[in-house]
């Protein structure tokens, strides 16, 4: 049977009677100190668990960012000349190139 701190202290007090001996007093003190330590550590464990969850989330986010950066860096060396040209073109250059590719009226009938 699991008892609370107060239930344990009450049981030891009843056992010790009106004039408890040194052992009973020492046992009361040990129970009071030990049970309160467990409660304090429970709060610490909860705080550490929450902090660990936050660190895990941050680690996963950083890992994803690192993987993306690493892939982009590796792609830089494996792109063909056409892909490099496409990546470095400005919007204006792309628009000019598309306009030049439009067939003229005369070229349609050739």
PDB file of N, CA and C in Angstrom:
ATOM      1  N   UNK A   1       0.838  -1.172   0.000  1.00  0.00           N
ATOM      2  CA  UNK A   1       0.000   0.000   0.000  1.00  0.00           C
ATOM      3  C   UNK A   1       0.888   1.242   0.000  1.00  0.00           C
ATOM      4  N   UNK A   2       0.597   2.141  -0.907  1.00  0.00           N
ATOM      5  CA  UNK A   2       1.370   3.375  -1.022  1.00  0.00           C
ATOM      6  C   UNK A   2       0.738   4.427  -0.125  1.00  0.00           C
ATOM      7  N   UNK A   3       1.582   5.080   0.694  1.00  0.00           N
ATOM      8  CA  UNK A   3       1.081   6.087   1.633  1.00  0.00           C
ATOM      9  C   UNK A   3       1.668   7.453   1.325  1.00  0.00           C
ATOM     10  N   UNK A   4       0.955   8.465   1.756  1.00  0.00           N
ATOM     11  CA  UNK A   4       1.458   9.829   1.610  1.00  0.00           C
ATOM     12  C   UNK A   4       2.459  10.117   2.720  1.00  0.00           C
ATOM     13  N   UNK A   5       3.112  11.238   2.610  1.00  0.00           N
ATOM     14  CA  UNK A   5       4.092  11.651   3.617  1.00  0.00           C
ATOM     15  C   UNK A   5       3.431  11.760   4.988  1.00  0.00           C
ATOM     16  N   UNK A   6       2.286  12.412   5.034  1.00  0.00           N
ATOM     17  CA  UNK A   6       1.592  12.603   6.312  1.00  0.00           C
ATOM     18  C   UNK A   6       1.159  11.264   6.920  1.00  0.00           C
ATOM     19  N   UNK A   7       0.702  10.328   6.098  1.00  0.00           N
ATOM     20  CA  UNK A   7       0.292   9.021   6.608  1.00  0.00           C
ATOM     21  C   UNK A   7       1.474   8.268   7.205  1.00  0.00           C
ATOM     22  N   UNK A   8       2.623   8.348   6.559  1.00  0.00           N
ATOM     23  CA  UNK A   8       3.822   7.701   7.097  1.00  0.00           C
ATOM     24  C   UNK A   8       4.246   8.321   8.429  1.00  0.00           C
ATOM     25  N   UNK A   9       4.261   9.647   8.475  1.00  0.00           N
ATOM     26  CA  UNK A   9       4.649  10.322   9.716  1.00  0.00           C
ATOM     27  C   UNK A   9       3.681   9.980  10.852  1.00  0.00           C
ATOM     28  N   UNK A  10       2.399   9.941  10.557  1.00  0.00           N
ATOM     29  CA  UNK A  10       1.391   9.605  11.570  1.00  0.00           C
ATOM     30  C   UNK A  10       1.591   8.183  12.089  1.00  0.00           C
ATOM     31  N   UNK A  11       1.892   7.254  11.199  1.00  0.00           N
ATOM     32  CA  UNK A  11       2.103   5.862  11.610  1.00  0.00           C
ATOM     33  C   UNK A  11       3.308   5.751  12.542  1.00  0.00           C
ATOM     34  N   UNK A  12       4.384   6.464  12.223  1.00  0.00           N
ATOM     35  CA  UNK A  12       5.578   6.422  13.076  1.00  0.00           C
ATOM     36  C   UNK A  12       5.291   7.107  14.411  1.00  0.00           C
ATOM     37  N   UNK A  13       4.549   8.218  14.412  1.00  0.00           N
ATOM     38  CA  UNK A  13       4.192   8.896  15.671  1.00  0.00           C
ATOM     39  C   UNK A  13       3.373   7.975  16.573  1.00  0.00           C
ATOM     40  N   UNK A  14       2.408   7.277  15.987  1.00  0.00           N
ATOM     41  CA  UNK A  14       1.576   6.359  16.766  1.00  0.00           C
ATOM     42  C   UNK A  14       2.419   5.223  17.334  1.00  0.00           C
ATOM     43  N   UNK A  15       3.361   4.747  16.563  1.00  0.00           N
ATOM     44  CA  UNK A  15       4.227   3.662  17.035  1.00  0.00           C
ATOM     45  C   UNK A  15       5.136   4.137  18.169  1.00  0.00           C
ATOM     46  N   UNK A  16       5.602   5.383  18.068  1.00  0.00           N
ATOM     47  CA  UNK A  16       6.502   5.920  19.091  1.00  0.00           C
ATOM     48  C   UNK A  16       5.785   6.288  20.377  1.00  0.00           C
ATOM     49  N   UNK A  17       4.512   6.552  20.302  1.00  0.00           N
ATOM     50  CA  UNK A  17       3.757   6.904  21.503  1.00  0.00           C
ATOM     51  C   UNK A  17       4.014   8.323  21.956  1.00  0.00           C
ATOM     52  N   UNK A  18       3.695   8.558  23.277  1.00  0.00           N
ATOM     53  CA  UNK A  18       3.836   9.906  23.831  1.00  0.00           C
ATOM     54  C   UNK A  18       5.279  10.312  24.049  1.00  0.00           C
ATOM     55  N   UNK A  19       6.144   9.365  24.281  1.00  0.00           N
ATOM     56  CA  UNK A  19       7.557   9.663  24.509  1.00  0.00           C
ATOM     57  C   UNK A  19       8.393   8.843  23.519  1.00  0.00           C
ATOM     58  N   UNK A  20       8.569   9.335  22.315  1.00  0.00           N
ATOM     59  CA  UNK A  20       9.310   8.582  21.303  1.00  0.00           C
ATOM     60  C   UNK A  20      10.791   8.489  21.656  1.00  0.00           C
ATOM     61  N   UNK A  21      11.390   7.375  21.300  1.00  0.00           N
ATOM     62  CA  UNK A  21      12.832   7.205  21.528  1.00  0.00           C
ATOM     63  C   UNK A  21      13.627   7.877  20.400  1.00  0.00           C
ATOM     64  N   UNK A  22      14.932   7.832  20.519  1.00  0.00           N
ATOM     65  CA  UNK A  22      15.792   8.500  19.533  1.00  0.00           C
ATOM     66  C   UNK A  22      15.612   7.917  18.132  1.00  0.00           C
ATOM     67  N   UNK A  23      15.426   6.592  18.041  1.00  0.00           N
ATOM     68  CA  UNK A  23      15.245   5.953  16.742  1.00  0.00           C
ATOM     69  C   UNK A  23      13.978   6.458  16.055  1.00  0.00           C
ATOM     70  N   UNK A  24      12.896   6.571  16.806  1.00  0.00           N
ATOM     71  CA  UNK A  24      11.619   7.034  16.240  1.00  0.00           C
ATOM     72  C   UNK A  24      11.742   8.473  15.760  1.00  0.00           C
ATOM     73  N   UNK A  25      12.398   9.315  16.541  1.00  0.00           N
ATOM     74  CA  UNK A  25      12.602  10.712  16.140  1.00  0.00           C
ATOM     75  C   UNK A  25      13.465  10.777  14.876  1.00  0.00           C
ATOM     76  N   UNK A  26      14.515   9.956  14.830  1.00  0.00           N
ATOM     77  CA  UNK A  26      15.385   9.916  13.657  1.00  0.00           C
ATOM     78  C   UNK A  26      14.611   9.431  12.422  1.00  0.00           C
ATOM     79  N   UNK A  27      13.742   8.436  12.623  1.00  0.00           N
ATOM     80  CA  UNK A  27      12.933   7.910  11.531  1.00  0.00           C
ATOM     81  C   UNK A  27      11.950   8.971  11.016  1.00  0.00           C
ATOM     82  N   UNK A  28      11.325   9.727  11.933  1.00  0.00           N
ATOM     83  CA  UNK A  28      10.425  10.809  11.534  1.00  0.00           C
ATOM     84  C   UNK A  28      11.164  11.851  10.682  1.00  0.00           C
ATOM     85  N   UNK A  29      12.353  12.201  11.135  1.00  0.00           N
ATOM     86  CA  UNK A  29      13.155  13.177  10.404  1.00  0.00           C
ATOM     87  C   UNK A  29      13.542  12.658   9.019  1.00  0.00           C
ATOM     88  N   UNK A  30      13.960  11.388   8.954  1.00  0.00           N
ATOM     89  CA  UNK A  30      14.348  10.795   7.675  1.00  0.00           C
ATOM     90  C   UNK A  30      13.172  10.747   6.693  1.00  0.00           C
ATOM     91  N   UNK A  31      11.995  10.388   7.200  1.00  0.00           N
ATOM     92  CA  UNK A  31      10.815  10.334   6.332  1.00  0.00           C
ATOM     93  C   UNK A  31      10.474  11.731   5.822  1.00  0.00           C
ATOM     94  N   UNK A  32      10.492  12.706   6.700  1.00  0.00           N
ATOM     95  CA  UNK A  32      10.158  14.076   6.314  1.00  0.00           C
ATOM     96  C   UNK A  32      11.142  14.599   5.254  1.00  0.00           C
ATOM     97  N   UNK A  33      12.429  14.341   5.458  1.00  0.00           N
ATOM     98  CA  UNK A  33      13.437  14.811   4.499  1.00  0.00           C
ATOM     99  C   UNK A  33      13.361  14.055   3.178  1.00  0.00           C
ATOM    100  N   UNK A  34      13.200  12.757   3.237  1.00  0.00           N
ATOM    101  CA  UNK A  34      13.217  11.933   2.028  1.00  0.00           C
ATOM    102  C   UNK A  34      12.003  12.164   1.148  1.00  0.00           C
ATOM    103  N   UNK A  35      10.835  12.252   1.743  1.00  0.00           N
ATOM    104  CA  UNK A  35       9.627  12.423   0.953  1.00  0.00           C
ATOM    105  C   UNK A  35       9.597  13.797   0.300  1.00  0.00           C
ATOM    106  N   UNK A  36      10.050  14.827   0.973  1.00  0.00           N
ATOM    107  CA  UNK A  36      10.066  16.152   0.359  1.00  0.00           C
ATOM    108  C   UNK A  36      11.111  16.221  -0.748  1.00  0.00           C
ATOM    109  N   UNK A  37      12.222  15.467  -0.616  1.00  0.00           N
ATOM    110  CA  UNK A  37      13.220  15.421  -1.682  1.00  0.00           C
ATOM    111  C   UNK A  37      12.643  14.791  -2.940  1.00  0.00           C
ATOM    112  N   UNK A  38      11.842  13.764  -2.766  1.00  0.00           N
ATOM    113  CA  UNK A  38      11.234  13.103  -3.913  1.00  0.00           C
ATOM    114  C   UNK A  38      10.304  14.065  -4.647  1.00  0.00           C
ATOM    115  N   UNK A  39       9.530  14.839  -3.908  1.00  0.00           N
ATOM    116  CA  UNK A  39       8.622  15.801  -4.524  1.00  0.00           C
ATOM    117  C   UNK A  39       9.411  16.850  -5.295  1.00  0.00           C
ATOM    118  N   UNK A  40      10.490  17.367  -4.697  1.00  0.00           N
ATOM    119  CA  UNK A  40      11.310  18.371  -5.356  1.00  0.00           C
ATOM    120  C   UNK A  40      11.945  17.807  -6.621  1.00  0.00           C
ATOM    121  N   UNK A  41      12.382  16.592  -6.574  1.00  0.00           N
ATOM    122  CA  UNK A  41      13.008  15.977  -7.736  1.00  0.00           C
ATOM    123  C   UNK A  41      11.993  15.710  -8.834  1.00  0.00           C
ATOM    124  N   UNK A  42      10.762  15.457  -8.465  1.00  0.00           N
ATOM    125  CA  UNK A  42       9.726  15.269  -9.478  1.00  0.00           C
ATOM    126  C   UNK A  42       9.566  16.545 -10.290  1.00  0.00           C
ATOM    127  N   UNK A  43       9.572  17.695  -9.619  1.00  0.00           N
ATOM    128  CA  UNK A  43       9.484  18.969 -10.330  1.00  0.00           C
ATOM    129  C   UNK A  43      10.698  19.167 -11.242  1.00  0.00           C
ATOM    130  N   UNK A  44      11.870  18.791 -10.745  1.00  0.00           N
ATOM    131  CA  UNK A  44      13.088  18.915 -11.545  1.00  0.00           C
ATOM    132  C   UNK A  44      13.026  18.010 -12.768  1.00  0.00           C
ATOM    133  N   UNK A  45      12.548  16.792 -12.578  1.00  0.00           N
ATOM    134  CA  UNK A  45      12.443  15.856 -13.700  1.00  0.00           C
ATOM    135  C   UNK A  45      11.477  16.393 -14.745  1.00  0.00           C
ATOM    136  N   UNK A  46      10.353  16.938 -14.311  1.00  0.00           N
ATOM    137  CA  UNK A  46       9.385  17.507 -15.257  1.00  0.00           C
ATOM    138  C   UNK A  46       9.997  18.679 -16.031  1.00  0.00           C
ATOM    139  N   UNK A  47      10.740  19.525 -15.332  1.00  0.00           N
ATOM    140  CA  UNK A  47      11.380  20.664 -15.988  1.00  0.00           C
ATOM    141  C   UNK A  47      12.428  20.191 -16.995  1.00  0.00           C
ATOM    142  N   UNK A  48      13.210  19.191 -16.614  1.00  0.00           N
ATOM    143  CA  UNK A  48      14.225  18.657 -17.512  1.00  0.00           C
ATOM    144  C   UNK A  48      13.601  17.958 -18.712  1.00  0.00           C
ATOM    145  N   UNK A  49      12.499  17.281 -18.500  1.00  0.00           N
ATOM    146  CA  UNK A  49      11.803  16.620 -19.607  1.00  0.00           C
ATOM    147  C   UNK A  49      11.288  17.655 -20.609  1.00  0.00           C
ATOM    148  N   UNK A  50      10.728  18.738 -20.115  1.00  0.00           N
ATOM    149  CA  UNK A  50      10.243  19.805 -21.005  1.00  0.00           C
ATOM    150  C   UNK A  50      11.410  20.442 -21.768  1.00  0.00           C
ATOM    151  N   UNK A  51      12.507  20.689 -21.063  1.00  0.00           N
ATOM    152  CA  UNK A  51      13.679  21.275 -21.718  1.00  0.00           C
ATOM    153  C   UNK A  51      14.235  20.329 -22.769  1.00  0.00           C
ATOM    154  N   UNK A  52      14.232  19.039 -22.471  1.00  0.00           N
ATOM    155  CA  UNK A  52      14.713  18.047 -23.432  1.00  0.00           C
ATOM    156  C   UNK A  52      13.839  18.033 -24.681  1.00  0.00           C
ATOM    157  N   UNK A  53      12.541  18.149 -24.510  1.00  0.00           N
ATOM    158  CA  UNK A  53      11.627  18.175 -25.657  1.00  0.00           C
ATOM    159  C   UNK A  53      11.910  19.398 -26.538  1.00  0.00           C
ATOM    160  N   UNK A  54      12.144  20.551 -25.911  1.00  0.00           N
ATOM    161  CA  UNK A  54      12.460  21.760 -26.664  1.00  0.00           C
ATOM    162  C   UNK A  54      13.776  21.619 -27.419  1.00  0.00           C
ATOM    163  N   UNK A  55      14.778  21.025 -26.766  1.00  0.00           N
ATOM    164  CA  UNK A  55      16.073  20.820 -27.419  1.00  0.00           C
ATOM    165  C   UNK A  55      15.964  19.844 -28.580  1.00  0.00           C
ATOM    166  N   UNK A  56      15.155  18.811 -28.420  1.00  0.00           N
ATOM    167  CA  UNK A  56      14.962  17.841 -29.495  1.00  0.00           C
ATOM    168  C   UNK A  56      14.314  18.502 -30.704  1.00  0.00           C
ATOM    169  N   UNK A  57      13.319  19.348 -30.462  1.00  0.00           N
ATOM    170  CA  UNK A  57      12.659  20.068 -31.549  1.00  0.00           C
ATOM    171  C   UNK A  57      13.652  20.998 -32.248  1.00  0.00           C
ATOM    172  N   UNK A  58      14.445  21.713 -31.469  1.00  0.00           N
ATOM    173  CA  UNK A  58      15.449  22.615 -32.041  1.00  0.00           C
ATOM    174  C   UNK A  58      16.478  21.833 -32.848  1.00  0.00           C
ATOM    175  N   UNK A  59      16.890  20.697 -32.338  1.00  0.00           N
ATOM    176  CA  UNK A  59      17.863  19.856 -33.035  1.00  0.00           C
ATOM    177  C   UNK A  59      17.305  19.384 -34.369  1.00  0.00           C
ATOM    178  N   UNK A  60      16.050  18.947 -34.377  1.00  0.00           N
ATOM    179  CA  UNK A  60      15.426  18.490 -35.613  1.00  0.00           C
ATOM    180  C   UNK A  60      15.332  19.618 -36.634  1.00  0.00           C
ATOM    181  N   UNK A  61      14.991  20.821 -36.173  1.00  0.00           N
ATOM    182  CA  UNK A  61      14.901  21.979 -37.062  1.00  0.00           C
ATOM    183  C   UNK A  61      16.267  22.323 -37.639  1.00  0.00           C
ATOM    184  N   UNK A  62      17.280  22.337 -36.792  1.00  0.00           N
ATOM    185  CA  UNK A  62      18.636  22.629 -37.266  1.00  0.00           C
ATOM    186  C   UNK A  62      19.136  21.557 -38.215  1.00  0.00           C
ATOM    187  N   UNK A  63      18.816  20.305 -37.938  1.00  0.00           N
ATOM    188  CA  UNK A  63      19.246  19.218 -38.810  1.00  0.00           C
ATOM    189  C   UNK A  63      18.614  19.354 -40.190  1.00  0.00           C
ATOM    190  N   UNK A  64      17.338  19.704 -40.234  1.00  0.00           N
ATOM    191  CA  UNK A  64      16.656  19.893 -41.519  1.00  0.00           C
ATOM    192  C   UNK A  64      17.285  21.050 -42.290  1.00  0.00           C
ATOM    193  N   UNK A  65      17.581  22.149 -41.597  1.00  0.00           N
ATOM    194  CA  UNK A  65      18.216  23.300 -42.249  1.00  0.00           C
ATOM    195  C   UNK A  65      19.607  22.929 -42.759  1.00  0.00           C
ATOM    196  N   UNK A  66      20.348  22.172 -41.972  1.00  0.00           N
ATOM    197  CA  UNK A  66      21.688  21.735 -42.371  1.00  0.00           C
ATOM    198  C   UNK A  66      21.611  20.836 -43.599  1.00  0.00           C
ATOM    199  N   UNK A  67      20.672  19.897 -43.610  1.00  0.00           N
ATOM    200  CA  UNK A  67      20.525  18.991 -44.744  1.00  0.00           C
ATOM    201  C   UNK A  67      20.202  19.755 -46.020  1.00  0.00           C
ATOM    202  N   UNK A  68      19.311  20.755 -45.921  1.00  0.00           N
ATOM    203  CA  UNK A  68      18.960  21.571 -47.079  1.00  0.00           C
ATOM    204  C   UNK A  68      20.166  22.346 -47.582  1.00  0.00           C
ATOM    205  N   UNK A  69      20.896  22.946 -46.665  1.00  0.00           N
ATOM    206  CA  UNK A  69      22.089  23.708 -47.031  1.00  0.00           C
ATOM    207  C   UNK A  69      23.138  22.809 -47.671  1.00  0.00           C
ATOM    208  N   UNK A  70      23.338  21.634 -47.102  1.00  0.00           N
ATOM    209  CA  UNK A  70      24.324  20.695 -47.621  1.00  0.00           C
ATOM    210  C   UNK A  70      23.945  20.257 -49.042  1.00  0.00           C
ATOM    211  N   UNK A  71      22.665  19.991 -49.267  1.00  0.00           N
ATOM    212  CA  UNK A  71      22.205  19.591 -50.602  1.00  0.00           C
ATOM    213  C   UNK A  71      22.403  20.723 -51.595  1.00  0.00           C
ATOM    214  N   UNK A  72      22.065  21.945 -51.193  1.00  0.00           N
ATOM    215  CA  UNK A  72      22.245  23.097 -52.080  1.00  0.00           C
ATOM    216  C   UNK A  72      23.718  23.276 -52.439  1.00  0.00           C
ATOM    217  N   UNK A  73      24.589  23.095 -51.475  1.00  0.00           N
ATOM    218  CA  UNK A  73      26.017  23.247 -51.712  1.00  0.00           C
ATOM    219  C   UNK A  73      26.516  22.161 -52.654  1.00  0.00           C
ATOM    220  N   UNK A  74      26.070  20.929 -52.443  1.00  0.00           N
ATOM    221  CA  UNK A  74      26.483  19.829 -53.315  1.00  0.00           C
ATOM    222  C   UNK A  74      25.930  20.023 -54.720  1.00  0.00           C
ATOM    223  N   UNK A  75      24.690  20.496 -54.833  1.00  0.00           N
ATOM    224  CA  UNK A  75      24.081  20.727 -56.147  1.00  0.00           C
ATOM    225  C   UNK A  75      24.856  21.775 -56.946  1.00  0.00           C
ATOM    226  N   UNK A  76      25.471  22.664 -56.250  1.00  0.00           N
ATOM    227  CA  UNK A  76      26.239  23.730 -56.893  1.00  0.00           C
ATOM    228  C   UNK A  76      27.326  23.151 -57.792  1.00  0.00           C
ATOM    229  N   UNK A  77      27.862  21.996 -57.430  1.00  0.00           N
ATOM    230  CA  UNK A  77      28.947  21.388 -58.188  1.00  0.00           C
ATOM    231  C   UNK A  77      28.460  20.340 -59.183  1.00  0.00           C
ATOM    232  N   UNK A  78      27.191  19.996 -59.133  1.00  0.00           N
ATOM    233  CA  UNK A  78      26.681  18.958 -60.025  1.00  0.00           C
ATOM    234  C   UNK A  78      25.695  19.493 -61.048  1.00  0.00           C
ATOM    235  N   UNK A  79      25.433  20.780 -61.056  1.00  0.00           N
ATOM    236  CA  UNK A  79      24.500  21.367 -62.005  1.00  0.00           C
ATOM    237  C   UNK A  79      25.133  21.460 -63.392  1.00  0.00           C
ATOM    238  N   UNK A  80      24.332  21.315 -64.410  1.00  0.00           N
ATOM    239  CA  UNK A  80      24.828  21.517 -65.770  1.00  0.00           C
ATOM    240  C   UNK A  80      24.908  23.014 -66.034  1.00  0.00           C
ATOM    241  N   UNK A  81      25.566  23.368 -67.132  1.00  0.00           N
ATOM    242  CA  UNK A  81      25.703  24.789 -67.469  1.00  0.00           C
ATOM    243  C   UNK A  81      24.343  25.440 -67.663  1.00  0.00           C
ATOM    244  N   UNK A  82      23.395  24.732 -68.266  1.00  0.00           N
ATOM    245  CA  UNK A  82      22.059  25.288 -68.498  1.00  0.00           C
ATOM    246  C   UNK A  82      21.342  25.546 -67.176  1.00  0.00           C
ATOM    247  N   UNK A  83      21.490  24.618 -66.209  1.00  0.00           N
ATOM    248  CA  UNK A  83      20.846  24.798 -64.903  1.00  0.00           C
ATOM    249  C   UNK A  83      21.454  25.969 -64.145  1.00  0.00           C
ATOM    250  N   UNK A  84      22.768  26.132 -64.264  1.00  0.00           N
ATOM    251  CA  UNK A  84      23.437  27.263 -63.613  1.00  0.00           C
ATOM    252  C   UNK A  84      22.938  28.562 -64.223  1.00  0.00           C
ATOM    253  N   UNK A  85      22.810  28.588 -65.558  1.00  0.00           N
ATOM    254  CA  UNK A  85      22.318  29.786 -66.243  1.00  0.00           C
ATOM    255  C   UNK A  85      20.911  30.126 -65.766  1.00  0.00           C
ATOM    256  N   UNK A  86      20.048  29.090 -65.648  1.00  0.00           N
ATOM    257  CA  UNK A  86      18.684  29.316 -65.193  1.00  0.00           C
ATOM    258  C   UNK A  86      18.639  29.878 -63.776  1.00  0.00           C
ATOM    259  N   UNK A  87      19.520  29.388 -62.919  1.00  0.00           N
ATOM    260  CA  UNK A  87      19.512  29.850 -61.528  1.00  0.00           C
ATOM    261  C   UNK A  87      20.018  31.279 -61.385  1.00  0.00           C
ATOM    262  N   UNK A  88      20.913  31.695 -62.284  1.00  0.00           N
ATOM    263  CA  UNK A  88      21.521  33.014 -62.132  1.00  0.00           C
ATOM    264  C   UNK A  88      20.810  34.090 -62.946  1.00  0.00           C
ATOM    265  N   UNK A  89      19.864  33.716 -63.791  1.00  0.00           N
ATOM    266  CA  UNK A  89      19.132  34.697 -64.589  1.00  0.00           C
ATOM    267  C   UNK A  89      18.219  35.543 -63.714  1.00  0.00           C
ATOM    268  N   UNK A  90      18.136  36.803 -64.060  1.00  0.00           N
ATOM    269  CA  UNK A  90      17.193  37.683 -63.375  1.00  0.00           C
ATOM    270  C   UNK A  90      15.831  37.546 -64.033  1.00  0.00           C
ATOM    271  N   UNK A  91      14.833  38.096 -63.420  1.00  0.00           N
ATOM    272  CA  UNK A  91      13.482  38.053 -63.974  1.00  0.00           C
ATOM    273  C   UNK A  91      13.422  38.762 -65.321  1.00  0.00           C
ATOM    274  N   UNK A  92      14.125  39.881 -65.451  1.00  0.00           N
ATOM    275  CA  UNK A  92      14.129  40.631 -66.711  1.00  0.00           C
ATOM    276  C   UNK A  92      14.762  39.810 -67.833  1.00  0.00           C
ATOM    277  N   UNK A  93      15.872  39.161 -67.545  1.00  0.00           N
ATOM    278  CA  UNK A  93      16.537  38.334 -68.548  1.00  0.00           C
ATOM    279  C   UNK A  93      15.641  37.185 -68.992  1.00  0.00           C
ATOM    280  N   UNK A  94      14.926  36.581 -68.045  1.00  0.00           N
ATOM    281  CA  UNK A  94      14.016  35.495 -68.393  1.00  0.00           C
ATOM    282  C   UNK A  94      12.894  35.998 -69.283  1.00  0.00           C
ATOM    283  N   UNK A  95      12.346  37.169 -68.971  1.00  0.00           N
ATOM    284  CA  UNK A  95      11.273  37.738 -69.774  1.00  0.00           C
ATOM    285  C   UNK A  95      11.755  38.069 -71.184  1.00  0.00           C
ATOM    286  N   UNK A  96      12.963  38.612 -71.300  1.00  0.00           N
ATOM    287  CA  UNK A  96      13.529  38.928 -72.613  1.00  0.00           C
ATOM    288  C   UNK A  96      13.746  37.659 -73.428  1.00  0.00           C
ATOM    289  N   UNK A  97      14.246  36.626 -72.779  1.00  0.00           N
ATOM    290  CA  UNK A  97      14.502  35.364 -73.461  1.00  0.00           C
ATOM    291  C   UNK A  97      13.201  34.730 -73.936  1.00  0.00           C
ATOM    292  N   UNK A  98      12.173  34.787 -73.124  1.00  0.00           N
ATOM    293  CA  UNK A  98      10.879  34.239 -73.515  1.00  0.00           C
ATOM    294  C   UNK A  98      10.276  35.031 -74.671  1.00  0.00           C
ATOM    295  N   UNK A  99      10.450  36.330 -74.640  1.00  0.00           N
ATOM    296  CA  UNK A  99       9.931  37.179 -75.720  1.00  0.00           C
ATOM    297  C   UNK A  99      10.643  36.870 -77.026  1.00  0.00           C
ATOM    298  N   UNK A 100      11.934  36.594 -76.978  1.00  0.00           N
ATOM    299  CA  UNK A 100      12.707  36.281 -78.174  1.00  0.00           C
ATOM    300  C   UNK A 100      12.304  34.932 -78.747  1.00  0.00           C
ATOM    301  N   UNK A 101      11.847  34.032 -77.887  1.00  0.00           N
ATOM    302  CA  UNK A 101      11.472  32.695 -78.327  1.00  0.00           C
ATOM    303  C   UNK A 101      10.094  32.662 -78.986  1.00  0.00           C
ATOM    304  N   UNK A 102       9.300  33.691 -78.834  1.00  0.00           N
ATOM    305  CA  UNK A 102       7.969  33.738 -79.427  1.00  0.00           C
ATOM    306  C   UNK A 102       8.118  33.808 -80.941  1.00  0.00           C
ATOM    307  N   UNK A 103       7.384  32.940 -81.599  1.00  0.00           N
ATOM    308  CA  UNK A 103       7.468  32.895 -83.056  1.00  0.00           C
ATOM    309  C   UNK A 103       6.852  34.156 -83.666  1.00  0.00           C
ATOM    310  N   UNK A 104       7.484  34.614 -84.709  1.00  0.00           N
ATOM    311  CA  UNK A 104       6.920  35.763 -85.427  1.00  0.00           C
ATOM    312  C   UNK A 104       5.876  35.250 -86.408  1.00  0.00           C
ATOM    313  N   UNK A 105       5.117  36.157 -86.912  1.00  0.00           N
ATOM    314  CA  UNK A 105       4.030  35.812 -87.842  1.00  0.00           C
ATOM    315  C   UNK A 105       4.600  35.121 -89.077  1.00  0.00           C
ATOM    316  N   UNK A 106       5.712  35.623 -89.575  1.00  0.00           N
ATOM    317  CA  UNK A 106       6.316  35.061 -90.771  1.00  0.00           C
ATOM    318  C   UNK A 106       6.891  33.678 -90.512  1.00  0.00           C
ATOM    319  N   UNK A 107       7.465  33.474 -89.322  1.00  0.00           N
ATOM    320  CA  UNK A 107       8.099  32.183 -89.050  1.00  0.00           C
ATOM    321  C   UNK A 107       7.080  31.053 -88.861  1.00  0.00           C
ATOM    322  N   UNK A 108       5.860  31.402 -88.606  1.00  0.00           N
ATOM    323  CA  UNK A 108       4.841  30.378 -88.440  1.00  0.00           C
ATOM    324  C   UNK A 108       4.567  29.682 -89.778  1.00  0.00           C
ATOM    325  N   UNK A 109       4.638  30.434 -90.877  1.00  0.00           N
ATOM    326  CA  UNK A 109       4.291  29.891 -92.190  1.00  0.00           C
ATOM    327  C   UNK A 109       5.497  29.384 -92.957  1.00  0.00           C
ATOM    328  N   UNK A 110       6.636  29.376 -92.379  1.00  0.00           N
ATOM    329  CA  UNK A 110       7.831  28.874 -93.087  1.00  0.00           C
ATOM    330  C   UNK A 110       7.955  27.401 -93.014  1.00  0.00           C
TER     331      UNK A 110
END
